[in-house]
Amino acid sequence: MKTITVVAAAIRNSRGEIFATQRGYGEFKDWWELPGGKAEPGETMEQALKREIMEELDTEVSVDAFITTIDYDYPSFHLTMHCYWCSILSGRLELKEHEAAKWLAPDELDSVNWLPADLILLPFLR
């Protein structure tokens, strides 16, 4: 089974809310996830995360702390997702690839339909 390695940003605002994005394409269209994406060869996970957030949201983030790594078997691939707490340095979180986004307080995290791997992460975000 193919393994895909990705990075995910738990972007927090000053009220402790977490930025969630809704996929606008592909097999998991309409499901919710933390923003991020695949690391390129030669990149550190932190470099990949900064690049992905700039590409997807036109926003510069700081990678503040490692949260955890989630391993999950989807039907057609194995996902390894490295998750980090991040904060905004500059930019306005402009959606370039997602169809929707929202800030969720810790007690609102169950209000959206998360991708299965992201669902495993929720206890770490509360």
PDB file of N, CA and C in Angstrom:
ATOM      1  N   MET A   1       0.843  -1.178   0.000  1.00  0.00           N
ATOM      2  CA  MET A   1       0.000   0.000   0.000  1.00  0.00           C
ATOM      3  C   MET A   1       0.897   1.253   0.000  1.00  0.00           C
ATOM      4  N   LYS A   2       0.528   2.212  -0.817  1.00  0.00           N
ATOM      5  CA  LYS A   2       1.278   3.456  -0.920  1.00  0.00           C
ATOM      6  C   LYS A   2       1.130   4.276   0.362  1.00  0.00           C
ATOM      7  N   THR A   3       2.233   4.899   0.816  1.00  0.00           N
ATOM      8  CA  THR A   3       2.194   5.797   1.973  1.00  0.00           C
ATOM      9  C   THR A   3       2.320   7.234   1.498  1.00  0.00           C
ATOM     10  N   ILE A   4       1.434   8.090   1.983  1.00  0.00           N
ATOM     11  CA  ILE A   4       1.491   9.519   1.703  1.00  0.00           C
ATOM     12  C   ILE A   4       1.812  10.227   3.014  1.00  0.00           C
ATOM     13  N   THR A   5       2.854  11.050   2.995  1.00  0.00           N
ATOM     14  CA  THR A   5       3.254  11.803   4.174  1.00  0.00           C
ATOM     15  C   THR A   5       2.839  13.257   3.993  1.00  0.00           C
ATOM     16  N   VAL A   6       2.091  13.776   4.958  1.00  0.00           N
ATOM     17  CA  VAL A   6       1.609  15.154   4.888  1.00  0.00           C
ATOM     18  C   VAL A   6       1.881  15.872   6.206  1.00  0.00           C
ATOM     19  N   VAL A   7       1.744  17.190   6.139  1.00  0.00           N
ATOM     20  CA  VAL A   7       1.832  18.046   7.320  1.00  0.00           C
ATOM     21  C   VAL A   7       0.501  18.758   7.471  1.00  0.00           C
ATOM     22  N   ALA A   8       0.107  19.040   8.715  1.00  0.00           N
ATOM     23  CA  ALA A   8      -1.162  19.716   8.981  1.00  0.00           C
ATOM     24  C   ALA A   8      -0.943  20.811  10.014  1.00  0.00           C
ATOM     25  N   ALA A   9      -1.609  21.951   9.790  1.00  0.00           N
ATOM     26  CA  ALA A   9      -1.472  23.111  10.674  1.00  0.00           C
ATOM     27  C   ALA A   9      -2.720  23.291  11.513  1.00  0.00           C
ATOM     28  N   ALA A  10      -2.553  23.223  12.822  1.00  0.00           N
ATOM     29  CA  ALA A  10      -3.625  23.610  13.744  1.00  0.00           C
ATOM     30  C   ALA A  10      -3.375  25.089  14.051  1.00  0.00           C
ATOM     31  N   ILE A  11      -3.991  25.953  13.239  1.00  0.00           N
ATOM     32  CA  ILE A  11      -3.798  27.398  13.380  1.00  0.00           C
ATOM     33  C   ILE A  11      -4.762  27.898  14.441  1.00  0.00           C
ATOM     34  N   ARG A  12      -4.200  28.501  15.480  1.00  0.00           N
ATOM     35  CA  ARG A  12      -5.016  29.017  16.597  1.00  0.00           C
ATOM     36  C   ARG A  12      -5.036  30.536  16.573  1.00  0.00           C
ATOM     37  N   ASN A  13      -6.202  31.090  16.908  1.00  0.00           N
ATOM     38  CA  ASN A  13      -6.280  32.542  17.059  1.00  0.00           C
ATOM     39  C   ASN A  13      -6.202  32.908  18.542  1.00  0.00           C
ATOM     40  N   SER A  14      -6.307  34.189  18.837  1.00  0.00           N
ATOM     41  CA  SER A  14      -6.142  34.660  20.222  1.00  0.00           C
ATOM     42  C   SER A  14      -7.257  34.181  21.152  1.00  0.00           C
ATOM     43  N   ARG A  15      -8.385  33.739  20.583  1.00  0.00           N
ATOM     44  CA  ARG A  15      -9.501  33.222  21.392  1.00  0.00           C
ATOM     45  C   ARG A  15      -9.416  31.704  21.586  1.00  0.00           C
ATOM     46  N   GLY A  16      -8.347  31.089  21.064  1.00  0.00           N
ATOM     47  CA  GLY A  16      -8.183  29.647  21.210  1.00  0.00           C
ATOM     48  C   GLY A  16      -8.964  28.832  20.198  1.00  0.00           C
ATOM     49  N   GLU A  17      -9.542  29.499  19.184  1.00  0.00           N
ATOM     50  CA  GLU A  17     -10.272  28.776  18.140  1.00  0.00           C
ATOM     51  C   GLU A  17      -9.280  28.224  17.113  1.00  0.00           C
ATOM     52  N   ILE A  18      -9.679  27.147  16.453  1.00  0.00           N
ATOM     53  CA  ILE A  18      -8.832  26.463  15.478  1.00  0.00           C
ATOM     54  C   ILE A  18      -9.453  26.617  14.090  1.00  0.00           C
ATOM     55  N   PHE A  19      -8.596  26.900  13.104  1.00  0.00           N
ATOM     56  CA  PHE A  19      -9.038  27.129  11.730  1.00  0.00           C
ATOM     57  C   PHE A  19      -9.207  25.798  11.006  1.00  0.00           C
ATOM     58  N   ALA A  20     -10.426  25.499  10.569  1.00  0.00           N
ATOM     59  CA  ALA A  20     -10.748  24.268   9.848  1.00  0.00           C
ATOM     60  C   ALA A  20     -11.134  24.605   8.412  1.00  0.00           C
ATOM     61  N   THR A  21     -10.757  23.740   7.468  1.00  0.00           N
ATOM     62  CA  THR A  21     -11.057  23.979   6.063  1.00  0.00           C
ATOM     63  C   THR A  21     -11.837  22.813   5.468  1.00  0.00           C
ATOM     64  N   GLN A  22     -12.685  23.146   4.494  1.00  0.00           N
ATOM     65  CA  GLN A  22     -13.512  22.137   3.825  1.00  0.00           C
ATOM     66  C   GLN A  22     -12.958  21.889   2.427  1.00  0.00           C
ATOM     67  N   ARG A  23     -12.698  20.629   2.127  1.00  0.00           N
ATOM     68  CA  ARG A  23     -12.125  20.268   0.821  1.00  0.00           C
ATOM     69  C   ARG A  23     -13.106  20.587  -0.299  1.00  0.00           C
ATOM     70  N   GLY A  24     -12.571  21.147  -1.383  1.00  0.00           N
ATOM     71  CA  GLY A  24     -13.417  21.510  -2.512  1.00  0.00           C
ATOM     72  C   GLY A  24     -13.239  20.620  -3.716  1.00  0.00           C
ATOM     73  N   TYR A  25     -12.503  19.519  -3.571  1.00  0.00           N
ATOM     74  CA  TYR A  25     -12.177  18.689  -4.729  1.00  0.00           C
ATOM     75  C   TYR A  25     -11.861  17.264  -4.282  1.00  0.00           C
ATOM     76  N   GLY A  26     -11.842  16.358  -5.263  1.00  0.00           N
ATOM     77  CA  GLY A  26     -11.324  15.012  -5.032  1.00  0.00           C
ATOM     78  C   GLY A  26     -12.272  14.065  -4.321  1.00  0.00           C
ATOM     79  N   GLU A  27     -11.709  12.931  -3.968  1.00  0.00           N
ATOM     80  CA  GLU A  27     -12.459  11.831  -3.367  1.00  0.00           C
ATOM     81  C   GLU A  27     -13.137  12.252  -2.059  1.00  0.00           C
ATOM     82  N   PHE A  28     -12.522  13.169  -1.332  1.00  0.00           N
ATOM     83  CA  PHE A  28     -13.054  13.574  -0.028  1.00  0.00           C
ATOM     84  C   PHE A  28     -13.629  14.987  -0.062  1.00  0.00           C
ATOM     85  N   LYS A  29     -14.161  15.403  -1.225  1.00  0.00           N
ATOM     86  CA  LYS A  29     -14.800  16.710  -1.352  1.00  0.00           C
ATOM     87  C   LYS A  29     -15.858  16.881  -0.262  1.00  0.00           C
ATOM     88  N   ASP A  30     -15.923  18.074   0.297  1.00  0.00           N
ATOM     89  CA  ASP A  30     -16.890  18.470   1.336  1.00  0.00           C
ATOM     90  C   ASP A  30     -16.514  18.010   2.749  1.00  0.00           C
ATOM     91  N   TRP A  31     -15.510  17.165   2.913  1.00  0.00           N
ATOM     92  CA  TRP A  31     -15.056  16.775   4.248  1.00  0.00           C
ATOM     93  C   TRP A  31     -14.178  17.891   4.804  1.00  0.00           C
ATOM     94  N   TRP A  32     -14.067  17.954   6.110  1.00  0.00           N
ATOM     95  CA  TRP A  32     -13.274  18.994   6.773  1.00  0.00           C
ATOM     96  C   TRP A  32     -11.927  18.446   7.213  1.00  0.00           C
ATOM     97  N   GLU A  33     -10.929  19.352   7.256  1.00  0.00           N
ATOM     98  CA  GLU A  33      -9.565  18.977   7.600  1.00  0.00           C
ATOM     99  C   GLU A  33      -8.825  20.193   8.137  1.00  0.00           C
ATOM    100  N   LEU A  34      -7.682  19.926   8.742  1.00  0.00           N
ATOM    101  CA  LEU A  34      -6.752  21.007   9.022  1.00  0.00           C
ATOM    102  C   LEU A  34      -5.999  21.291   7.727  1.00  0.00           C
ATOM    103  N   PRO A  35      -5.690  22.553   7.446  1.00  0.00           N
ATOM    104  CA  PRO A  35      -4.949  22.849   6.214  1.00  0.00           C
ATOM    105  C   PRO A  35      -3.532  22.302   6.272  1.00  0.00           C
ATOM    106  N   GLY A  36      -2.984  22.044   5.098  1.00  0.00           N
ATOM    107  CA  GLY A  36      -1.627  21.520   4.988  1.00  0.00           C
ATOM    108  C   GLY A  36      -1.471  20.784   3.678  1.00  0.00           C
ATOM    109  N   GLY A  37      -0.516  19.872   3.622  1.00  0.00           N
ATOM    110  CA  GLY A  37      -0.314  19.124   2.387  1.00  0.00           C
ATOM    111  C   GLY A  37       0.958  18.307   2.427  1.00  0.00           C
ATOM    112  N   LYS A  38       1.380  17.865   1.242  1.00  0.00           N
ATOM    113  CA  LYS A  38       2.520  16.957   1.129  1.00  0.00           C
ATOM    114  C   LYS A  38       3.840  17.716   1.226  1.00  0.00           C
ATOM    115  N   ALA A  39       4.802  17.063   1.865  1.00  0.00           N
ATOM    116  CA  ALA A  39       6.164  17.590   1.907  1.00  0.00           C
ATOM    117  C   ALA A  39       6.860  17.256   0.584  1.00  0.00           C
ATOM    118  N   GLU A  40       7.649  18.199   0.088  1.00  0.00           N
ATOM    119  CA  GLU A  40       8.452  17.981  -1.123  1.00  0.00           C
ATOM    120  C   GLU A  40       9.796  17.367  -0.709  1.00  0.00           C
ATOM    121  N   PRO A  41      10.438  16.653  -1.625  1.00  0.00           N
ATOM    122  CA  PRO A  41      11.764  16.086  -1.313  1.00  0.00           C
ATOM    123  C   PRO A  41      12.728  17.183  -0.850  1.00  0.00           C
ATOM    124  N   GLY A  42      13.457  16.908   0.233  1.00  0.00           N
ATOM    125  CA  GLY A  42      14.436  17.850   0.733  1.00  0.00           C
ATOM    126  C   GLY A  42      13.906  18.878   1.718  1.00  0.00           C
ATOM    127  N   GLU A  43      12.580  18.958   1.879  1.00  0.00           N
ATOM    128  CA  GLU A  43      11.998  19.906   2.823  1.00  0.00           C
ATOM    129  C   GLU A  43      11.900  19.299   4.215  1.00  0.00           C
ATOM    130  N   THR A  44      12.069  20.124   5.242  1.00  0.00           N
ATOM    131  CA  THR A  44      11.708  19.682   6.587  1.00  0.00           C
ATOM    132  C   THR A  44      10.188  19.761   6.694  1.00  0.00           C
ATOM    133  N   MET A  45       9.622  19.129   7.703  1.00  0.00           N
ATOM    134  CA  MET A  45       8.171  19.201   7.897  1.00  0.00           C
ATOM    135  C   MET A  45       7.742  20.655   8.125  1.00  0.00           C
ATOM    136  N   GLU A  46       8.541  21.412   8.878  1.00  0.00           N
ATOM    137  CA  GLU A  46       8.208  22.816   9.145  1.00  0.00           C
ATOM    138  C   GLU A  46       8.231  23.642   7.869  1.00  0.00           C
ATOM    139  N   GLN A  47       9.239  23.426   7.007  1.00  0.00           N
ATOM    140  CA  GLN A  47       9.308  24.147   5.735  1.00  0.00           C
ATOM    141  C   GLN A  47       8.113  23.800   4.850  1.00  0.00           C
ATOM    142  N   ALA A  48       7.758  22.524   4.814  1.00  0.00           N
ATOM    143  CA  ALA A  48       6.618  22.081   4.006  1.00  0.00           C
ATOM    144  C   ALA A  48       5.331  22.750   4.491  1.00  0.00           C
ATOM    145  N   LEU A  49       5.161  22.811   5.797  1.00  0.00           N
ATOM    146  CA  LEU A  49       3.944  23.397   6.354  1.00  0.00           C
ATOM    147  C   LEU A  49       3.841  24.882   6.015  1.00  0.00           C
ATOM    148  N   LYS A  50       4.929  25.612   6.177  1.00  0.00           N
ATOM    149  CA  LYS A  50       4.915  27.044   5.835  1.00  0.00           C
ATOM    150  C   LYS A  50       4.595  27.248   4.350  1.00  0.00           C
ATOM    151  N   ARG A  51       5.204  26.429   3.480  1.00  0.00           N
ATOM    152  CA  ARG A  51       4.961  26.549   2.042  1.00  0.00           C
ATOM    153  C   ARG A  51       3.509  26.223   1.699  1.00  0.00           C
ATOM    154  N   GLU A  52       2.999  25.123   2.248  1.00  0.00           N
ATOM    155  CA  GLU A  52       1.626  24.714   1.949  1.00  0.00           C
ATOM    156  C   GLU A  52       0.601  25.763   2.395  1.00  0.00           C
ATOM    157  N   ILE A  53       0.793  26.341   3.585  1.00  0.00           N
ATOM    158  CA  ILE A  53      -0.164  27.340   4.074  1.00  0.00           C
ATOM    159  C   ILE A  53      -0.083  28.598   3.211  1.00  0.00           C
ATOM    160  N   MET A  54       1.114  28.964   2.765  1.00  0.00           N
ATOM    161  CA  MET A  54       1.242  30.109   1.854  1.00  0.00           C
ATOM    162  C   MET A  54       0.528  29.811   0.530  1.00  0.00           C
ATOM    163  N   GLU A  55       0.707  28.597  -0.009  1.00  0.00           N
ATOM    164  CA  GLU A  55       0.069  28.225  -1.281  1.00  0.00           C
ATOM    165  C   GLU A  55      -1.447  28.142  -1.158  1.00  0.00           C
ATOM    166  N   GLU A  56      -1.946  27.518  -0.085  1.00  0.00           N
ATOM    167  CA  GLU A  56      -3.384  27.275   0.053  1.00  0.00           C
ATOM    168  C   GLU A  56      -4.161  28.476   0.589  1.00  0.00           C
ATOM    169  N   LEU A  57      -3.507  29.290   1.441  1.00  0.00           N
ATOM    170  CA  LEU A  57      -4.246  30.324   2.172  1.00  0.00           C
ATOM    171  C   LEU A  57      -3.618  31.713   2.064  1.00  0.00           C
ATOM    172  N   ASP A  58      -2.541  31.841   1.275  1.00  0.00           N
ATOM    173  CA  ASP A  58      -1.856  33.118   1.095  1.00  0.00           C
ATOM    174  C   ASP A  58      -1.535  33.771   2.447  1.00  0.00           C
ATOM    175  N   THR A  59      -1.076  32.939   3.378  1.00  0.00           N
ATOM    176  CA  THR A  59      -0.812  33.393   4.749  1.00  0.00           C
ATOM    177  C   THR A  59       0.523  32.826   5.227  1.00  0.00           C
ATOM    178  N   GLU A  60       1.295  33.678   5.905  1.00  0.00           N
ATOM    179  CA  GLU A  60       2.549  33.240   6.498  1.00  0.00           C
ATOM    180  C   GLU A  60       2.283  32.833   7.941  1.00  0.00           C
ATOM    181  N   VAL A  61       2.706  31.631   8.292  1.00  0.00           N
ATOM    182  CA  VAL A  61       2.514  31.149   9.661  1.00  0.00           C
ATOM    183  C   VAL A  61       3.856  30.863  10.318  1.00  0.00           C
ATOM    184  N   SER A  62       3.837  30.891  11.649  1.00  0.00           N
ATOM    185  CA  SER A  62       4.964  30.350  12.405  1.00  0.00           C
ATOM    186  C   SER A  62       4.558  28.954  12.855  1.00  0.00           C
ATOM    187  N   VAL A  63       5.515  28.029  12.808  1.00  0.00           N
ATOM    188  CA  VAL A  63       5.282  26.672  13.290  1.00  0.00           C
ATOM    189  C   VAL A  63       5.764  26.670  14.738  1.00  0.00           C
ATOM    190  N   ASP A  64       4.797  26.614  15.670  1.00  0.00           N
ATOM    191  CA  ASP A  64       5.093  26.866  17.082  1.00  0.00           C
ATOM    192  C   ASP A  64       5.481  25.616  17.868  1.00  0.00           C
ATOM    193  N   ALA A  65       4.786  24.496  17.629  1.00  0.00           N
ATOM    194  CA  ALA A  65       5.068  23.290  18.405  1.00  0.00           C
ATOM    195  C   ALA A  65       4.499  22.066  17.691  1.00  0.00           C
ATOM    196  N   PHE A  66       5.205  20.951  17.822  1.00  0.00           N
ATOM    197  CA  PHE A  66       4.737  19.667  17.299  1.00  0.00           C
ATOM    198  C   PHE A  66       3.616  19.152  18.205  1.00  0.00           C
ATOM    199  N   ILE A  67       2.526  18.673  17.602  1.00  0.00           N
ATOM    200  CA  ILE A  67       1.409  18.098  18.381  1.00  0.00           C
ATOM    201  C   ILE A  67       1.559  16.583  18.450  1.00  0.00           C
ATOM    202  N   THR A  68       1.480  15.931  17.295  1.00  0.00           N
ATOM    203  CA  THR A  68       1.575  14.471  17.229  1.00  0.00           C
ATOM    204  C   THR A  68       1.650  14.047  15.769  1.00  0.00           C
ATOM    205  N   THR A  69       1.919  12.780  15.542  1.00  0.00           N
ATOM    206  CA  THR A  69       1.845  12.183  14.208  1.00  0.00           C
ATOM    207  C   THR A  69       0.704  11.172  14.215  1.00  0.00           C
ATOM    208  N   ILE A  70      -0.159  11.282  13.226  1.00  0.00           N
ATOM    209  CA  ILE A  70      -1.296  10.369  13.063  1.00  0.00           C
ATOM    210  C   ILE A  70      -0.991   9.430  11.904  1.00  0.00           C
ATOM    211  N   ASP A  71      -1.164   8.135  12.112  1.00  0.00           N
ATOM    212  CA  ASP A  71      -1.080   7.149  11.035  1.00  0.00           C
ATOM    213  C   ASP A  71      -2.472   6.572  10.837  1.00  0.00           C
ATOM    214  N   TYR A  72      -2.933   6.569   9.570  1.00  0.00           N
ATOM    215  CA  TYR A  72      -4.288   6.095   9.284  1.00  0.00           C
ATOM    216  C   TYR A  72      -4.305   5.379   7.937  1.00  0.00           C
ATOM    217  N   ASP A  73      -4.985   4.239   7.888  1.00  0.00           N
ATOM    218  CA  ASP A  73      -5.126   3.490   6.642  1.00  0.00           C
ATOM    219  C   ASP A  73      -6.451   3.825   5.967  1.00  0.00           C
ATOM    220  N   TYR A  74      -6.363   4.588   4.875  1.00  0.00           N
ATOM    221  CA  TYR A  74      -7.514   4.802   3.995  1.00  0.00           C
ATOM    222  C   TYR A  74      -7.602   3.589   3.074  1.00  0.00           C
ATOM    223  N   PRO A  75      -8.721   3.400   2.357  1.00  0.00           N
ATOM    224  CA  PRO A  75      -8.836   2.203   1.508  1.00  0.00           C
ATOM    225  C   PRO A  75      -7.709   2.051   0.481  1.00  0.00           C
ATOM    226  N   SER A  76      -7.239   3.168  -0.101  1.00  0.00           N
ATOM    227  CA  SER A  76      -6.259   3.052  -1.182  1.00  0.00           C
ATOM    228  C   SER A  76      -4.853   3.525  -0.825  1.00  0.00           C
ATOM    229  N   PHE A  77      -4.629   4.009   0.405  1.00  0.00           N
ATOM    230  CA  PHE A  77      -3.284   4.455   0.792  1.00  0.00           C
ATOM    231  C   PHE A  77      -3.180   4.560   2.309  1.00  0.00           C
ATOM    232  N   HIS A  78      -1.933   4.587   2.781  1.00  0.00           N
ATOM    233  CA  HIS A  78      -1.652   4.822   4.198  1.00  0.00           C
ATOM    234  C   HIS A  78      -1.237   6.281   4.342  1.00  0.00           C
ATOM    235  N   LEU A  79      -1.832   6.982   5.303  1.00  0.00           N
ATOM    236  CA  LEU A  79      -1.507   8.384   5.552  1.00  0.00           C
ATOM    237  C   LEU A  79      -0.683   8.513   6.823  1.00  0.00           C
ATOM    238  N   THR A  80       0.434   9.232   6.726  1.00  0.00           N
ATOM    239  CA  THR A  80       1.194   9.660   7.898  1.00  0.00           C
ATOM    240  C   THR A  80       1.091  11.175   7.933  1.00  0.00           C
ATOM    241  N   MET A  81       0.449  11.701   8.983  1.00  0.00           N
ATOM    242  CA  MET A  81       0.183  13.138   9.082  1.00  0.00           C
ATOM    243  C   MET A  81       0.883  13.716  10.311  1.00  0.00           C
ATOM    244  N   HIS A  82       1.834  14.620  10.065  1.00  0.00           N
ATOM    245  CA  HIS A  82       2.570  15.301  11.131  1.00  0.00           C
ATOM    246  C   HIS A  82       1.849  16.618  11.430  1.00  0.00           C
ATOM    247  N   CYS A  83       1.396  16.780  12.668  1.00  0.00           N
ATOM    248  CA  CYS A  83       0.537  17.908  13.033  1.00  0.00           C
ATOM    249  C   CYS A  83       1.262  18.877  13.955  1.00  0.00           C
ATOM    250  N   TYR A  84       1.077  20.172  13.701  1.00  0.00           N
ATOM    251  CA  TYR A  84       1.769  21.223  14.442  1.00  0.00           C
ATOM    252  C   TYR A  84       0.818  22.346  14.825  1.00  0.00           C
ATOM    253  N   TRP A  85       1.045  22.929  16.009  1.00  0.00           N
ATOM    254  CA  TRP A  85       0.385  24.179  16.372  1.00  0.00           C
ATOM    255  C   TRP A  85       1.049  25.293  15.574  1.00  0.00           C
ATOM    256  N   CYS A  86       0.235  26.172  14.989  1.00  0.00           N
ATOM    257  CA  CYS A  86       0.760  27.285  14.210  1.00  0.00           C
ATOM    258  C   CYS A  86       0.015  28.562  14.582  1.00  0.00           C
ATOM    259  N   SER A  87       0.658  29.699  14.305  1.00  0.00           N
ATOM    260  CA  SER A  87      -0.020  30.975  14.459  1.00  0.00           C
ATOM    261  C   SER A  87       0.295  31.851  13.257  1.00  0.00           C
ATOM    262  N   ILE A  88      -0.598  32.800  13.007  1.00  0.00           N
ATOM    263  CA  ILE A  88      -0.498  33.652  11.831  1.00  0.00           C
ATOM    264  C   ILE A  88       0.540  34.749  12.076  1.00  0.00           C
ATOM    265  N   LEU A  89       1.459  34.894  11.116  1.00  0.00           N
ATOM    266  CA  LEU A  89       2.417  35.999  11.142  1.00  0.00           C
ATOM    267  C   LEU A  89       1.916  37.144  10.270  1.00  0.00           C
ATOM    268  N   SER A  90       1.408  36.813   9.061  1.00  0.00           N
ATOM    269  CA  SER A  90       0.838  37.830   8.177  1.00  0.00           C
ATOM    270  C   SER A  90      -0.091  37.152   7.176  1.00  0.00           C
ATOM    271  N   GLY A  91      -1.043  37.911   6.670  1.00  0.00           N
ATOM    272  CA  GLY A  91      -1.999  37.379   5.701  1.00  0.00           C
ATOM    273  C   GLY A  91      -3.389  37.270   6.300  1.00  0.00           C
ATOM    274  N   ARG A  92      -4.375  36.922   5.420  1.00  0.00           N
ATOM    275  CA  ARG A  92      -5.773  36.920   5.845  1.00  0.00           C
ATOM    276  C   ARG A  92      -6.473  35.570   5.631  1.00  0.00           C
ATOM    277  N   LEU A  93      -5.737  34.492   5.525  1.00  0.00           N
ATOM    278  CA  LEU A  93      -6.330  33.156   5.330  1.00  0.00           C
ATOM    279  C   LEU A  93      -7.323  33.151   4.161  1.00  0.00           C
ATOM    280  N   GLU A  94      -6.819  33.520   3.001  1.00  0.00           N
ATOM    281  CA  GLU A  94      -7.636  33.560   1.785  1.00  0.00           C
ATOM    282  C   GLU A  94      -7.721  32.165   1.177  1.00  0.00           C
ATOM    283  N   LEU A  95      -8.938  31.655   0.981  1.00  0.00           N
ATOM    284  CA  LEU A  95      -9.120  30.296   0.466  1.00  0.00           C
ATOM    285  C   LEU A  95      -8.763  30.227  -1.016  1.00  0.00           C
ATOM    286  N   LYS A  96      -7.755  29.425  -1.350  1.00  0.00           N
ATOM    287  CA  LYS A  96      -7.347  29.249  -2.744  1.00  0.00           C
ATOM    288  C   LYS A  96      -7.707  27.855  -3.258  1.00  0.00           C
ATOM    289  N   GLU A  97      -7.821  26.874  -2.359  1.00  0.00           N
ATOM    290  CA  GLU A  97      -8.126  25.503  -2.772  1.00  0.00           C
ATOM    291  C   GLU A  97      -9.356  24.924  -2.073  1.00  0.00           C
ATOM    292  N   HIS A  98      -9.738  25.479  -0.938  1.00  0.00           N
ATOM    293  CA  HIS A  98     -10.858  24.940  -0.167  1.00  0.00           C
ATOM    294  C   HIS A  98     -12.146  25.670  -0.505  1.00  0.00           C
ATOM    295  N   GLU A  99     -13.295  25.016  -0.277  1.00  0.00           N
ATOM    296  CA  GLU A  99     -14.559  25.662  -0.604  1.00  0.00           C
ATOM    297  C   GLU A  99     -15.153  26.428   0.569  1.00  0.00           C
ATOM    298  N   ALA A 100     -14.691  26.144   1.773  1.00  0.00           N
ATOM    299  CA  ALA A 100     -15.199  26.853   2.944  1.00  0.00           C
ATOM    300  C   ALA A 100     -14.182  26.700   4.068  1.00  0.00           C
ATOM    301  N   ALA A 101     -14.337  27.552   5.080  1.00  0.00           N
ATOM    302  CA  ALA A 101     -13.480  27.474   6.260  1.00  0.00           C
ATOM    303  C   ALA A 101     -14.221  28.119   7.417  1.00  0.00           C
ATOM    304  N   LYS A 102     -13.838  27.747   8.626  1.00  0.00           N
ATOM    305  CA  LYS A 102     -14.417  28.393   9.803  1.00  0.00           C
ATOM    306  C   LYS A 102     -13.495  28.226  10.993  1.00  0.00           C
ATOM    307  N   TRP A 103     -13.618  29.168  11.921  1.00  0.00           N
ATOM    308  CA  TRP A 103     -12.924  29.090  13.196  1.00  0.00           C
ATOM    309  C   TRP A 103     -13.808  28.303  14.144  1.00  0.00           C
ATOM    310  N   LEU A 104     -13.255  27.279  14.785  1.00  0.00           N
ATOM    311  CA  LEU A 104     -14.024  26.439  15.698  1.00  0.00           C
ATOM    312  C   LEU A 104     -13.419  26.496  17.097  1.00  0.00           C
ATOM    313  N   ALA A 105     -14.262  26.813  18.079  1.00  0.00           N
ATOM    314  CA  ALA A 105     -13.834  26.729  19.471  1.00  0.00           C
ATOM    315  C   ALA A 105     -13.663  25.251  19.818  1.00  0.00           C
ATOM    316  N   PRO A 106     -12.871  24.933  20.850  1.00  0.00           N
ATOM    317  CA  PRO A 106     -12.678  23.515  21.199  1.00  0.00           C
ATOM    318  C   PRO A 106     -13.986  22.743  21.379  1.00  0.00           C
ATOM    319  N   ASP A 107     -15.021  23.379  21.926  1.00  0.00           N
ATOM    320  CA  ASP A 107     -16.292  22.662  22.119  1.00  0.00           C
ATOM    321  C   ASP A 107     -17.148  22.613  20.853  1.00  0.00           C
ATOM    322  N   GLU A 108     -16.667  23.204  19.752  1.00  0.00           N
ATOM    323  CA  GLU A 108     -17.388  23.162  18.470  1.00  0.00           C
ATOM    324  C   GLU A 108     -16.732  22.222  17.460  1.00  0.00           C
ATOM    325  N   LEU A 109     -15.655  21.567  17.858  1.00  0.00           N
ATOM    326  CA  LEU A 109     -14.906  20.740  16.910  1.00  0.00           C
ATOM    327  C   LEU A 109     -15.738  19.600  16.324  1.00  0.00           C
ATOM    328  N   ASP A 110     -16.729  19.120  17.062  1.00  0.00           N
ATOM    329  CA  ASP A 110     -17.565  18.024  16.559  1.00  0.00           C
ATOM    330  C   ASP A 110     -18.671  18.492  15.614  1.00  0.00           C
ATOM    331  N   SER A 111     -18.716  19.785  15.302  1.00  0.00           N
ATOM    332  CA  SER A 111     -19.815  20.329  14.499  1.00  0.00           C
ATOM    333  C   SER A 111     -19.610  20.173  12.992  1.00  0.00           C
ATOM    334  N   VAL A 112     -18.444  19.688  12.563  1.00  0.00           N
ATOM    335  CA  VAL A 112     -18.200  19.482  11.132  1.00  0.00           C
ATOM    336  C   VAL A 112     -17.824  18.022  10.878  1.00  0.00           C
ATOM    337  N   ASN A 113     -17.905  17.620   9.610  1.00  0.00           N
ATOM    338  CA  ASN A 113     -17.628  16.245   9.194  1.00  0.00           C
ATOM    339  C   ASN A 113     -16.145  16.118   8.842  1.00  0.00           C
ATOM    340  N   TRP A 114     -15.315  15.765   9.831  1.00  0.00           N
ATOM    341  CA  TRP A 114     -13.869  15.673   9.651  1.00  0.00           C
ATOM    342  C   TRP A 114     -13.485  14.439   8.853  1.00  0.00           C
ATOM    343  N   LEU A 115     -12.393  14.552   8.092  1.00  0.00           N
ATOM    344  CA  LEU A 115     -11.779  13.376   7.484  1.00  0.00           C
ATOM    345  C   LEU A 115     -11.373  12.405   8.597  1.00  0.00           C
ATOM    346  N   PRO A 116     -11.381  11.100   8.336  1.00  0.00           N
ATOM    347  CA  PRO A 116     -11.093  10.133   9.410  1.00  0.00           C
ATOM    348  C   PRO A 116      -9.770  10.366  10.136  1.00  0.00           C
ATOM    349  N   ALA A 117      -8.695  10.676   9.421  1.00  0.00           N
ATOM    350  CA  ALA A 117      -7.408  10.890  10.090  1.00  0.00           C
ATOM    351  C   ALA A 117      -7.455  12.140  10.964  1.00  0.00           C
ATOM    352  N   ASP A 118      -8.115  13.194  10.494  1.00  0.00           N
ATOM    353  CA  ASP A 118      -8.219  14.429  11.278  1.00  0.00           C
ATOM    354  C   ASP A 118      -9.073  14.208  12.527  1.00  0.00           C
ATOM    355  N   LEU A 119     -10.059  13.333  12.426  1.00  0.00           N
ATOM    356  CA  LEU A 119     -10.921  13.017  13.570  1.00  0.00           C
ATOM    357  C   LEU A 119     -10.089  12.467  14.741  1.00  0.00           C
ATOM    358  N   ILE A 120      -9.077  11.661  14.440  1.00  0.00           N
ATOM    359  CA  ILE A 120      -8.203  11.099  15.470  1.00  0.00           C
ATOM    360  C   ILE A 120      -7.465  12.214  16.223  1.00  0.00           C
ATOM    361  N   LEU A 121      -7.221  13.318  15.530  1.00  0.00           N
ATOM    362  CA  LEU A 121      -6.452  14.431  16.095  1.00  0.00           C
ATOM    363  C   LEU A 121      -7.261  15.269  17.092  1.00  0.00           C
ATOM    364  N   LEU A 122      -8.586  15.230  17.004  1.00  0.00           N
ATOM    365  CA  LEU A 122      -9.417  16.151  17.804  1.00  0.00           C
ATOM    366  C   LEU A 122      -9.115  16.131  19.304  1.00  0.00           C
ATOM    367  N   PRO A 123      -8.908  14.984  19.956  1.00  0.00           N
ATOM    368  CA  PRO A 123      -8.587  15.032  21.395  1.00  0.00           C
ATOM    369  C   PRO A 123      -7.336  15.849  21.706  1.00  0.00           C
ATOM    370  N   PHE A 124      -6.389  15.890  20.781  1.00  0.00           N
ATOM    371  CA  PHE A 124      -5.166  16.674  20.991  1.00  0.00           C
ATOM    372  C   PHE A 124      -5.430  18.177  20.864  1.00  0.00           C
ATOM    373  N   LEU A 125      -6.501  18.537  20.150  1.00  0.00           N
ATOM    374  CA  LEU A 125      -6.814  19.942  19.906  1.00  0.00           C
ATOM    375  C   LEU A 125      -7.689  20.558  20.984  1.00  0.00           C
ATOM    376  N   ARG A 126      -8.331  19.730  21.793  1.00  0.00           N
ATOM    377  CA  ARG A 126      -9.271  20.245  22.794  1.00  0.00           C
ATOM    378  C   ARG A 126      -8.579  20.853  23.982  1.00  0.00           C
TER     379      ARG A 126
END
